[in-house]
């Protein structure tokens, strides 16, 4: 069985970061709800359990509390911030509101360097605090290991039981030695090896897919994006011709998108690829529509209709595959009342109707985005697909402000192709989150040669981001911007002006619509 560390999520904004840090130690981690029964956790045979932080106070009547039996599973446990306070609360310690809150950077002084958590680390560490409560009485069998300016119990241990607690957050970048702390927990204390590699994951995932699918057929809506492409490659590795990929050309794709998908998946991987040419259908339904929300709804509804008809032509299949990733599956746990379900609906193919009676299979649901990219390389996908930038589901329609017409699609597609080409040529494409062209519904006077022009404006958008939730505009070199402007104006008929979007998110969004 795969060695793993279980993380119980108590609503911390950093829970997924804990999971990432553990995986960076080449150990698999999985996040579960805070109230997952101990019996369910035991079935996973975890090598260790981490109690995450959270915004609540343990003494609050509405505090999220774990199954008390988790403390009797006999596996090592690490409590982080709120998790430390839970250890104290359940094991007869005491937590009270601190007279002085600790937020931001602090200095941790190690008092007992024999503690395995701090093995190989300096006696004084910079750490990141985020708490108002503090431990005022140690639980039975625990002793203090390290202190901060405001807390004598910033790190505690019960070495006999392999229980440890940290009042600070080792998982965040603001705790520079945090990775070593987590590594010491998973390797030294929990005894995990370094078995979480992409090659091992491929073998494990292929076995699971074969076991789940058996001899049944699987359909996948292939968009050409990273997630669906890697899902397709992994499924094909596992079940071969039992997989049929459906690629819908909605007329709103990037330049050469359809050709690239057919070449890579049809001719190179020999995946059964069903190509659906639906450009005229989509563009006809978008005629005269300028409202962004109406555009999105029309595209979504039309996609469902086209995809549904395509699945019937593909033949009987039991499974529908989607490229859902781990962050799409795990939600922050809301505190109080009725906690929302941990698994949320995330349909890459646009929310399919109930009469499409497929069983869902999500082969990437255990992976983060960068892990998906590594998996894609392991499966032999080209770098151009594995590291391609995000592209919106509605395609060019959300980058054409105003009505979407064939001629406007052509203008934007050609301009965007130049942006991609130049960004790749200068290696900026792979350094940043996103870069693309936007067609504005603005026409202005220009001069080309001796002729007066009255043409469109292209805006260039280039942003840096970690997850798409926030973003900052990228300060591209002037010579690159000059080349982009020159090429777009000279090579794309219908454009006589180029500008740069220097808005961050927030207050702006990454896409324009």
Protein backbone atom coordinates (compact mmCIF):
# COMPACT_ATOMS: atom_id res chain seq x y z
CA UNK A 1 0.00 0.00 0.00
CA UNK A 2 1.15 3.54 -0.78
CA UNK A 3 2.79 5.28 2.18
CA UNK A 4 0.87 8.42 3.00
CA UNK A 5 0.37 11.21 5.51
CA UNK A 6 -3.23 12.17 6.30
CA UNK A 7 -4.00 15.86 6.85
CA UNK A 8 -7.17 16.74 8.74
CA UNK A 9 -8.41 20.12 7.51
CA UNK A 10 -9.84 22.49 10.12
CA UNK A 11 -10.37 25.36 7.71
CA UNK A 12 -6.84 26.69 7.34
CA UNK A 13 -5.99 28.74 4.26
CA UNK A 14 -2.69 26.84 4.22
CA UNK A 15 -3.96 23.24 4.26
CA UNK A 16 -3.13 22.62 0.61
CA UNK A 17 0.32 24.10 1.18
CA UNK A 18 0.93 21.46 3.87
CA UNK A 19 0.00 18.78 1.34
CA UNK A 20 2.38 20.28 -1.20
CA UNK A 21 5.27 20.40 1.27
CA UNK A 22 4.81 16.73 2.11
CA UNK A 23 4.76 15.76 -1.56
CA UNK A 24 7.94 17.77 -2.06
CA UNK A 25 9.45 15.28 0.39
CA UNK A 26 8.47 12.52 -2.09
CA UNK A 27 5.73 11.32 0.25
CA UNK A 28 2.06 11.14 -0.73
CA UNK A 29 -0.40 13.25 1.27
CA UNK A 30 -4.17 13.33 1.31
CA UNK A 31 -6.53 15.91 2.84
CA UNK A 32 -9.62 14.80 4.74
CA UNK A 33 -12.39 16.66 6.54
CA UNK A 34 -11.67 17.48 10.15
CA UNK A 35 -14.47 15.18 11.38
CA UNK A 36 -13.55 12.11 9.31
CA UNK A 37 -14.17 9.08 11.57
CA UNK A 38 -11.03 7.51 13.01
CA UNK A 39 -12.11 4.15 11.60
CA UNK A 40 -12.09 5.60 8.06
CA UNK A 41 -8.64 7.10 8.62
CA UNK A 42 -7.35 3.78 9.95
CA UNK A 43 -8.37 2.04 6.70
CA UNK A 44 -5.83 4.23 4.87
CA UNK A 45 -3.02 2.96 7.13
CA UNK A 46 -1.42 6.41 7.36
CA UNK A 47 2.18 6.68 8.48
CA UNK A 48 1.29 9.92 10.25
CA UNK A 49 -1.48 12.47 10.80
CA UNK A 50 -1.24 16.26 10.63
CA UNK A 51 -3.85 18.50 12.26
CA UNK A 52 -4.03 21.71 10.21
CA UNK A 53 -4.45 25.23 11.45
CA UNK A 54 -7.79 27.00 11.39
CA UNK A 55 -9.56 30.25 12.24
CA UNK A 56 -11.48 28.97 15.28
CA UNK A 57 -10.78 28.78 19.00
CA UNK A 58 -10.83 25.32 20.59
CA UNK A 59 -12.95 26.59 23.47
CA UNK A 60 -15.64 27.99 21.12
CA UNK A 61 -18.97 26.08 21.14
CA UNK A 62 -18.85 25.99 17.34
CA UNK A 63 -15.22 24.90 17.06
CA UNK A 64 -14.56 22.12 14.50
CA UNK A 65 -13.37 19.11 16.46
CA UNK A 66 -11.98 15.77 15.29
CA UNK A 67 -13.13 12.32 16.23
CA UNK A 68 -11.45 11.83 19.67
CA UNK A 69 -10.44 8.33 18.60
CA UNK A 70 -7.87 9.74 16.16
CA UNK A 71 -5.58 10.31 19.14
CA UNK A 72 -5.68 6.56 19.83
CA UNK A 73 -4.73 5.32 16.36
CA UNK A 74 -1.13 4.81 17.44
CA UNK A 75 0.46 6.80 14.60
CA UNK A 76 2.68 9.90 14.86
CA UNK A 77 0.80 13.19 14.93
CA UNK A 78 1.77 16.80 14.28
CA UNK A 79 -0.51 19.68 15.28
CA UNK A 80 0.06 23.00 13.51
CA UNK A 81 -1.21 26.20 15.19
CA UNK A 82 -4.91 25.37 15.82
CA UNK A 83 -3.80 21.73 15.53
CA UNK A 84 -1.42 22.18 18.47
CA UNK A 85 -4.26 23.69 20.47
CA UNK A 86 -6.43 20.68 19.62
CA UNK A 87 -3.75 18.36 20.98
CA UNK A 88 -3.76 20.34 24.21
CA UNK A 89 -7.56 20.51 24.36
CA UNK A 90 -8.09 16.76 23.93
CA UNK A 91 -5.10 15.61 25.99
CA UNK A 92 -5.85 17.62 29.16
CA UNK A 93 -3.84 20.75 28.47
CA UNK A 94 -5.28 24.27 28.48
CA UNK A 95 -5.69 26.92 25.78
CA UNK A 96 -6.67 30.53 26.51
CA UNK A 97 -6.90 33.78 24.63
CA UNK A 98 -3.48 35.40 24.63
CA UNK A 99 -2.97 38.86 26.06
CA UNK A 100 -0.80 39.58 23.04
CA UNK A 101 -1.54 38.15 19.61
CA UNK A 102 1.22 36.86 17.34
CA UNK A 103 0.88 37.59 13.62
CA UNK A 104 3.67 37.70 11.08
CA UNK A 105 7.37 37.04 11.49
CA UNK A 106 8.78 35.86 14.79
CA UNK A 107 11.92 34.26 16.18
CA UNK A 108 11.81 30.72 17.50
CA UNK A 109 14.43 29.63 20.01
CA UNK A 110 14.99 25.87 20.26
CA UNK A 111 15.36 24.78 23.89
CA UNK A 112 15.78 21.04 23.31
CA UNK A 113 17.86 20.23 20.24
CA UNK A 114 17.37 16.49 20.79
CA UNK A 115 13.81 16.83 19.48
CA UNK A 116 13.68 14.96 16.13
CA UNK A 117 11.57 17.74 14.58
CA UNK A 118 14.51 20.15 14.86
CA UNK A 119 17.27 17.73 13.92
CA UNK A 120 19.91 19.49 11.82
CA UNK A 121 18.34 22.93 12.28
CA UNK A 122 19.85 26.04 13.92
CA UNK A 123 19.01 27.04 17.49
CA UNK A 124 17.20 30.20 16.34
CA UNK A 125 14.70 30.14 13.47
CA UNK A 126 12.56 32.70 11.71
CA UNK A 127 8.92 31.52 11.78
CA UNK A 128 5.51 32.77 10.68
CA UNK A 129 2.82 33.17 13.33
CA UNK A 130 -0.91 33.60 12.91
CA UNK A 131 -2.74 33.11 16.19
CA UNK A 132 -4.47 34.93 19.02
CA UNK A 133 -4.87 32.01 21.44
CA UNK A 134 -1.99 30.40 23.30
CA UNK A 135 -1.24 27.21 25.18
CA UNK A 136 -1.09 27.96 28.92
CA UNK A 137 -0.91 24.41 30.36
CA UNK A 138 0.88 21.50 28.75
CA UNK A 139 -1.02 18.26 28.15
CA UNK A 140 0.00 15.23 30.22
CA UNK A 141 3.27 13.68 29.03
CA UNK A 142 4.35 16.72 26.94
CA UNK A 143 7.29 19.03 27.46
CA UNK A 144 8.32 22.31 25.75
CA UNK A 145 10.85 22.15 22.93
CA UNK A 146 10.99 25.73 21.61
CA UNK A 147 9.70 29.22 22.49
CA UNK A 148 8.95 32.55 20.84
CA UNK A 149 8.80 36.04 22.29
CA UNK A 150 5.17 35.54 23.29
CA UNK A 151 4.92 31.81 23.91
CA UNK A 152 6.91 29.42 26.08
CA UNK A 153 5.19 26.53 24.31
CA UNK A 154 5.76 27.39 20.64
CA UNK A 155 6.84 23.78 20.02
CA UNK A 156 5.96 20.82 22.24
CA UNK A 157 6.42 17.07 22.15
CA UNK A 158 5.41 13.79 23.72
CA UNK A 159 8.24 11.71 22.31
CA UNK A 160 6.91 8.44 23.74
CA UNK A 161 3.68 8.79 21.75
CA UNK A 162 5.31 10.57 18.80
CA UNK A 163 2.96 13.53 19.27
CA UNK A 164 4.28 16.98 18.32
CA UNK A 165 2.83 20.49 18.17
CA UNK A 166 3.94 23.75 16.54
CA UNK A 167 2.28 27.08 17.36
CA UNK A 168 3.62 28.58 14.10
CA UNK A 169 3.19 27.61 10.43
CA UNK A 170 6.14 25.58 9.06
CA UNK A 171 4.45 25.10 5.67
CA UNK A 172 4.58 28.71 4.50
CA UNK A 173 7.51 30.31 2.68
CA UNK A 174 7.89 32.85 5.53
CA UNK A 175 9.23 30.01 7.71
CA UNK A 176 12.50 29.43 5.82
CA UNK A 177 13.38 26.13 7.55
CA UNK A 178 9.80 24.90 7.48
CA UNK A 179 10.44 22.33 4.76
CA UNK A 180 13.16 20.72 6.86
CA UNK A 181 10.78 20.59 9.83
CA UNK A 182 8.11 18.84 7.75
CA UNK A 183 10.74 16.56 6.21
CA UNK A 184 11.92 15.58 9.70
CA UNK A 185 8.35 14.74 10.66
CA UNK A 186 7.53 12.58 7.64
CA UNK A 187 10.93 10.87 7.32
CA UNK A 188 12.50 10.79 10.78
CA UNK A 189 9.39 10.52 12.95
CA UNK A 190 6.87 8.78 10.65
CA UNK A 191 9.51 6.63 8.94
CA UNK A 192 8.32 7.34 5.39
CA UNK A 193 10.56 6.55 2.45
CA UNK A 194 10.77 8.68 -0.70
CA UNK A 195 8.36 6.69 -2.85
CA UNK A 196 6.11 9.42 -4.27
CA UNK A 197 7.52 9.83 -7.79
CA UNK A 198 5.76 10.32 -11.10
CA UNK A 199 6.97 6.96 -12.41
CA UNK A 200 5.54 5.21 -9.35
CA UNK A 201 2.36 7.25 -9.67
CA UNK A 202 1.89 6.22 -13.31
CA UNK A 203 2.15 2.55 -12.37
CA UNK A 204 -0.26 2.98 -9.48
CA UNK A 205 -2.75 5.08 -11.49
CA UNK A 206 -2.73 2.67 -14.44
CA UNK A 207 -3.54 -0.23 -12.13
CA UNK A 208 -6.39 1.70 -10.47
CA UNK A 209 -7.87 2.79 -13.82
CA UNK A 210 -7.79 -0.75 -15.17
CA UNK A 211 -9.38 -2.08 -11.99
CA UNK A 212 -12.14 0.55 -12.08
CA UNK A 213 -12.89 0.49 -15.81
CA UNK A 214 -12.48 -3.20 -16.53
CA UNK A 215 -13.49 -3.82 -20.14
CA UNK A 216 -15.89 -0.86 -20.36
CA UNK A 217 -15.54 2.11 -22.73
CA UNK A 218 -14.50 5.63 -21.64
CA UNK A 219 -15.24 8.98 -23.28
CA UNK A 220 -13.15 12.08 -22.64
CA UNK A 221 -13.88 15.63 -23.78
CA UNK A 222 -10.45 16.71 -25.03
CA UNK A 223 -9.89 20.47 -25.09
CA UNK A 224 -6.19 20.55 -25.90
CA UNK A 225 -5.43 22.13 -22.52
CA UNK A 226 -2.94 20.67 -20.06
CA UNK A 227 -5.39 18.85 -17.79
CA UNK A 228 -7.51 17.08 -20.40
CA UNK A 229 -4.41 16.28 -22.48
CA UNK A 230 -2.61 14.59 -19.57
CA UNK A 231 -5.81 12.78 -18.56
CA UNK A 232 -6.11 11.46 -22.12
CA UNK A 233 -2.50 10.27 -22.20
CA UNK A 234 -2.82 8.53 -18.82
CA UNK A 235 -6.10 6.82 -19.71
CA UNK A 236 -4.70 5.68 -23.04
CA UNK A 237 -1.67 4.24 -21.25
CA UNK A 238 -4.06 2.25 -19.05
CA UNK A 239 -6.86 1.12 -21.39
CA UNK A 240 -5.76 1.86 -24.97
CA UNK A 241 -8.60 1.72 -27.50
CA UNK A 242 -11.24 1.54 -24.79
CA UNK A 243 -10.82 5.32 -24.68
CA UNK A 244 -12.43 7.67 -27.20
CA UNK A 245 -11.55 11.36 -27.05
CA UNK A 246 -14.00 13.90 -28.46
CA UNK A 247 -12.53 17.19 -29.64
CA UNK A 248 -15.01 19.96 -30.42
CA UNK A 249 -13.87 22.78 -32.69
CA UNK A 250 -16.10 25.66 -31.64
CA UNK A 251 -14.45 28.19 -33.95
CA UNK A 252 -13.08 30.02 -30.92
CA UNK A 253 -9.76 28.21 -30.65
CA UNK A 254 -6.21 29.47 -30.78
CA UNK A 255 -4.27 29.36 -34.04
CA UNK A 256 -3.58 25.80 -35.25
CA UNK A 257 -5.22 24.34 -32.13
CA UNK A 258 -7.23 21.70 -33.99
CA UNK A 259 -4.25 20.67 -36.11
CA UNK A 260 -1.97 20.30 -33.08
CA UNK A 261 -4.49 18.16 -31.17
CA UNK A 262 -5.09 15.88 -34.15
CA UNK A 263 -1.36 15.54 -34.77
CA UNK A 264 -0.34 14.83 -31.18
CA UNK A 265 -3.19 12.59 -30.08
CA UNK A 266 -4.36 11.05 -33.32
CA UNK A 267 -1.16 10.49 -35.26
CA UNK A 268 1.48 10.38 -32.50
CA UNK A 269 -0.29 8.64 -29.60
CA UNK A 270 -2.77 6.81 -31.86
CA UNK A 271 -5.61 7.66 -29.52
CA UNK A 272 -9.11 7.21 -30.93
CA UNK A 273 -9.98 10.84 -31.63
CA UNK A 274 -13.42 11.93 -32.75
CA UNK A 275 -13.19 15.40 -34.30
CA UNK A 276 -16.36 17.49 -34.23
CA UNK A 277 -16.37 20.52 -36.56
CA UNK A 278 -18.92 22.89 -35.00
CA UNK A 279 -17.50 26.33 -35.79
CA UNK A 280 -20.51 27.47 -37.82
CA UNK A 281 -22.95 26.28 -35.15
CA UNK A 282 -21.26 28.32 -32.38
CA UNK A 283 -20.61 31.45 -34.43
CA UNK A 284 -24.16 31.48 -35.79
CA UNK A 285 -25.60 31.35 -32.26
CA UNK A 286 -23.24 34.13 -31.13
CA UNK A 287 -24.24 36.46 -33.96
CA UNK A 288 -25.32 39.87 -32.62
CA UNK A 289 -24.55 38.97 -28.98
CA UNK A 290 -22.39 41.47 -27.07
CA UNK A 291 -23.16 40.79 -23.40
CA UNK A 292 -20.33 38.72 -21.82
CA UNK A 293 -22.62 36.55 -19.70
CA UNK A 294 -24.90 35.77 -22.62
CA UNK A 295 -21.89 34.75 -24.66
CA UNK A 296 -20.74 32.35 -21.96
CA UNK A 297 -24.18 30.81 -21.53
CA UNK A 298 -24.65 30.36 -25.26
CA UNK A 299 -21.25 28.73 -25.62
CA UNK A 300 -21.85 26.44 -22.62
CA UNK A 301 -25.30 25.37 -23.79
CA UNK A 302 -24.15 24.81 -27.36
CA UNK A 303 -21.18 22.77 -26.19
CA UNK A 304 -23.45 20.47 -24.22
CA UNK A 305 -25.68 19.95 -27.24
CA UNK A 306 -22.75 19.25 -29.58
CA UNK A 307 -20.97 17.02 -27.07
CA UNK A 308 -24.12 15.07 -26.27
CA UNK A 309 -24.71 14.33 -29.96
CA UNK A 310 -21.05 13.38 -30.35
CA UNK A 311 -21.19 10.85 -27.50
CA UNK A 312 -24.04 9.05 -29.25
CA UNK A 313 -21.96 8.79 -32.42
CA UNK A 314 -19.01 7.53 -30.37
CA UNK A 315 -20.96 4.45 -29.30
CA UNK A 316 -21.97 3.04 -25.95
CA UNK A 317 -19.67 3.95 -23.05
CA UNK A 318 -20.02 3.57 -19.30
CA UNK A 319 -17.50 6.20 -18.15
CA UNK A 320 -17.00 9.91 -18.77
CA UNK A 321 -13.47 11.08 -17.91
CA UNK A 322 -12.56 14.58 -16.73
CA UNK A 323 -9.27 16.28 -15.97
CA UNK A 324 -10.31 17.43 -12.48
CA UNK A 325 -7.32 18.32 -10.30
CA UNK A 326 -6.79 18.05 -6.53
CA UNK A 327 -7.48 21.75 -5.80
CA UNK A 328 -10.81 21.38 -7.62
CA UNK A 329 -11.78 18.46 -5.37
CA UNK A 330 -10.74 19.90 -2.01
CA UNK A 331 -12.59 22.89 -0.61
CA UNK A 332 -11.76 24.89 2.49
CA UNK A 333 -13.90 23.64 5.31
CA UNK A 334 -16.42 26.29 6.42
CA UNK A 335 -16.78 26.46 10.16
CA UNK A 336 -20.11 26.27 11.95
CA UNK A 337 -23.55 25.17 10.87
CA UNK A 338 -23.52 22.45 8.25
CA UNK A 339 -20.09 22.17 6.62
CA UNK A 340 -20.29 22.07 2.84
CA UNK A 341 -19.37 18.88 1.07
CA UNK A 342 -15.67 18.48 0.42
CA UNK A 343 -16.19 17.39 -3.15
CA UNK A 344 -17.61 20.03 -5.43
CA UNK A 345 -18.97 19.81 -8.94
CA UNK A 346 -16.30 20.70 -11.46
CA UNK A 347 -17.26 19.77 -15.01
CA UNK A 348 -14.55 20.42 -17.55
CA UNK A 349 -17.12 19.80 -20.26
CA UNK A 350 -19.57 22.36 -19.04
CA UNK A 351 -22.07 20.79 -16.65
CA UNK A 352 -23.58 17.85 -18.50
CA UNK A 353 -27.32 17.11 -18.33
CA UNK A 354 -28.63 14.34 -16.08
CA UNK A 355 -29.83 12.24 -18.98
CA UNK A 356 -26.22 11.62 -19.97
CA UNK A 357 -25.86 8.62 -17.69
CA UNK A 358 -22.12 8.19 -17.40
CA UNK A 359 -20.09 7.14 -14.42
CA UNK A 360 -17.43 9.78 -13.74
CA UNK A 361 -13.73 8.93 -13.70
CA UNK A 362 -11.16 11.56 -12.71
CA UNK A 363 -7.64 10.15 -13.11
CA UNK A 364 -5.88 13.38 -12.03
CA UNK A 365 -7.91 14.16 -8.93
CA UNK A 366 -4.98 13.37 -6.61
CA UNK A 367 -2.58 15.80 -8.30
CA UNK A 368 -1.67 19.47 -8.20
CA UNK A 369 -1.08 21.45 -11.40
CA UNK A 370 2.70 21.19 -11.42
CA UNK A 371 2.44 17.46 -10.68
CA UNK A 372 0.13 17.12 -13.69
CA UNK A 373 2.80 18.75 -15.85
CA UNK A 374 5.43 16.32 -14.57
CA UNK A 375 3.05 13.46 -15.26
CA UNK A 376 2.54 14.72 -18.80
CA UNK A 377 6.28 14.69 -19.43
CA UNK A 378 6.54 11.21 -17.91
CA UNK A 379 3.86 10.03 -20.36
CA UNK A 380 5.71 11.52 -23.32
CA UNK A 381 3.58 14.58 -24.06
CA UNK A 382 5.49 17.40 -25.80
CA UNK A 383 6.58 20.45 -23.80
CA UNK A 384 4.35 22.68 -25.98
CA UNK A 385 1.27 20.99 -24.51
CA UNK A 386 2.51 20.24 -20.99
CA UNK A 387 3.63 23.82 -20.31
CA UNK A 388 1.06 25.72 -22.32
CA UNK A 389 -0.58 28.65 -20.62
CA UNK A 390 -4.19 28.57 -19.38
CA UNK A 391 -6.88 29.19 -21.98
CA UNK A 392 -10.50 30.08 -21.06
CA UNK A 393 -13.25 27.55 -21.70
CA UNK A 394 -15.26 29.96 -23.91
CA UNK A 395 -12.08 30.54 -25.93
CA UNK A 396 -11.50 33.70 -27.93
CA UNK A 397 -15.07 34.83 -27.25
CA UNK A 398 -14.04 36.30 -23.88
CA UNK A 399 -11.12 38.10 -25.50
CA UNK A 400 -13.26 39.72 -28.19
CA UNK A 401 -15.11 42.58 -26.56
CA UNK A 402 -18.43 43.04 -28.27
CA UNK A 403 -19.87 40.83 -31.00
CA UNK A 404 -18.04 37.65 -31.97
CA UNK A 405 -17.80 37.32 -35.76
CA UNK A 406 -15.63 35.15 -38.04
CA UNK A 407 -13.59 38.17 -39.16
CA UNK A 408 -12.98 39.35 -35.58
CA UNK A 409 -11.98 35.82 -34.58
CA UNK A 410 -9.50 35.80 -37.44
CA UNK A 411 -8.00 39.15 -36.41
CA UNK A 412 -7.59 38.12 -32.79
CA UNK A 413 -6.33 34.62 -33.62
CA UNK A 414 -3.60 36.05 -35.85
CA UNK A 415 -2.59 38.70 -33.32
CA UNK A 416 -2.54 36.17 -30.48
CA UNK A 417 -0.38 33.80 -32.52
CA UNK A 418 2.24 36.56 -32.82
CA UNK A 419 2.12 37.15 -29.06
CA UNK A 420 2.66 33.44 -28.36
CA UNK A 421 5.42 33.17 -30.97
CA UNK A 422 7.38 36.16 -29.67
CA UNK A 423 6.91 35.20 -26.01
CA UNK A 424 8.29 31.73 -26.75
CA UNK A 425 11.16 33.10 -28.83
CA UNK A 426 12.31 35.23 -25.90
CA UNK A 427 11.53 32.48 -23.32
CA UNK A 428 9.02 34.71 -21.52
CA UNK A 429 6.16 32.34 -22.36
CA UNK A 430 7.33 29.69 -19.89
CA UNK A 431 8.28 32.19 -17.16
CA UNK A 432 4.85 33.73 -16.53
CA UNK A 433 1.27 32.63 -15.89
CA UNK A 434 -0.41 34.02 -19.01
CA UNK A 435 0.13 36.23 -22.04
CA UNK A 436 -2.36 36.88 -24.80
CA UNK A 437 -4.01 39.41 -27.11
CA UNK A 438 -7.43 41.04 -26.64
CA UNK A 439 -9.48 42.61 -29.44
CA UNK A 440 -11.12 45.86 -28.32
CA UNK A 441 -14.34 47.21 -29.86
CA UNK A 442 -12.44 50.43 -30.53
CA UNK A 443 -11.52 51.70 -33.97
CA UNK A 444 -9.21 54.65 -34.41
CA UNK A 445 -7.56 56.63 -37.14
CA UNK A 446 -4.11 55.62 -38.30
CA UNK A 447 -1.76 56.08 -41.22
CA UNK A 448 -0.18 53.25 -43.18
CA UNK A 449 1.99 54.42 -46.04
CA UNK A 450 0.13 57.33 -47.55
CA UNK A 451 -3.29 55.95 -46.67
CA UNK A 452 -5.59 56.80 -43.81
CA UNK A 453 -6.82 53.76 -41.84
CA UNK A 454 -9.69 53.28 -39.44
CA UNK A 455 -8.99 49.95 -37.75
CA UNK A 456 -9.15 48.01 -34.48
CA UNK A 457 -6.99 48.12 -31.35
CA UNK A 458 -5.26 45.09 -29.83
CA UNK A 459 -4.44 45.04 -26.12
CA UNK A 460 -1.63 42.82 -24.88
CA UNK A 461 -2.16 41.15 -21.50
CA UNK A 462 0.76 39.54 -19.63
CA UNK A 463 0.41 38.56 -15.97
CA UNK A 464 2.29 36.69 -13.28
CA UNK A 465 0.33 34.55 -10.83
CA UNK A 466 0.63 31.44 -8.68
CA UNK A 467 -2.93 30.20 -8.92
CA UNK A 468 -4.94 32.70 -10.97
CA UNK A 469 -6.67 34.09 -7.87
CA UNK A 470 -4.47 37.18 -7.81
CA UNK A 471 -2.16 38.46 -10.53
CA UNK A 472 0.24 41.27 -11.30
CA UNK A 473 1.04 42.63 -14.72
CA UNK A 474 4.45 41.70 -16.09
CA UNK A 475 7.02 44.37 -16.94
CA UNK A 476 7.99 43.00 -20.35
CA UNK A 477 11.13 44.46 -21.96
CA UNK A 478 10.55 47.48 -24.19
CA UNK A 479 12.22 45.83 -27.18
CA UNK A 480 9.84 42.86 -26.90
CA UNK A 481 6.81 45.18 -26.67
CA UNK A 482 8.09 47.15 -29.64
CA UNK A 483 8.45 43.96 -31.68
CA UNK A 484 4.98 42.77 -30.71
CA UNK A 485 3.40 46.07 -31.72
CA UNK A 486 5.30 46.26 -34.99
CA UNK A 487 4.51 42.71 -36.04
CA UNK A 488 0.81 42.84 -35.10
CA UNK A 489 0.22 46.14 -36.92
CA UNK A 490 2.18 45.06 -40.00
CA UNK A 491 1.01 41.45 -40.22
CA UNK A 492 -2.59 41.48 -38.99
CA UNK A 493 -4.98 43.15 -41.38
CA UNK A 494 -7.56 45.28 -39.57
CA UNK A 495 -5.32 46.45 -36.70
CA UNK A 496 -3.54 49.81 -36.54
CA UNK A 497 -2.92 50.27 -32.82
CA UNK A 498 -1.51 48.13 -29.96
CA UNK A 499 -1.61 48.94 -26.24
CA UNK A 500 -0.49 47.20 -23.03
CA UNK A 501 -2.83 46.32 -20.15
CA UNK A 502 -1.04 47.29 -16.91
CA UNK A 503 -3.88 46.38 -14.52
CA UNK A 504 -3.41 43.92 -11.65
CA UNK A 505 -5.96 41.47 -10.25
CA UNK A 506 -7.66 42.77 -8.19
CA UNK A 507 -9.16 45.22 -9.09
CA UNK A 508 -9.16 43.99 -12.69
CA UNK A 509 -9.56 40.36 -13.78
CA UNK A 510 -7.03 38.44 -15.87
CA UNK A 511 -9.45 37.97 -18.75
CA UNK A 512 -11.33 41.01 -20.05
CA UNK A 513 -14.77 39.38 -20.01
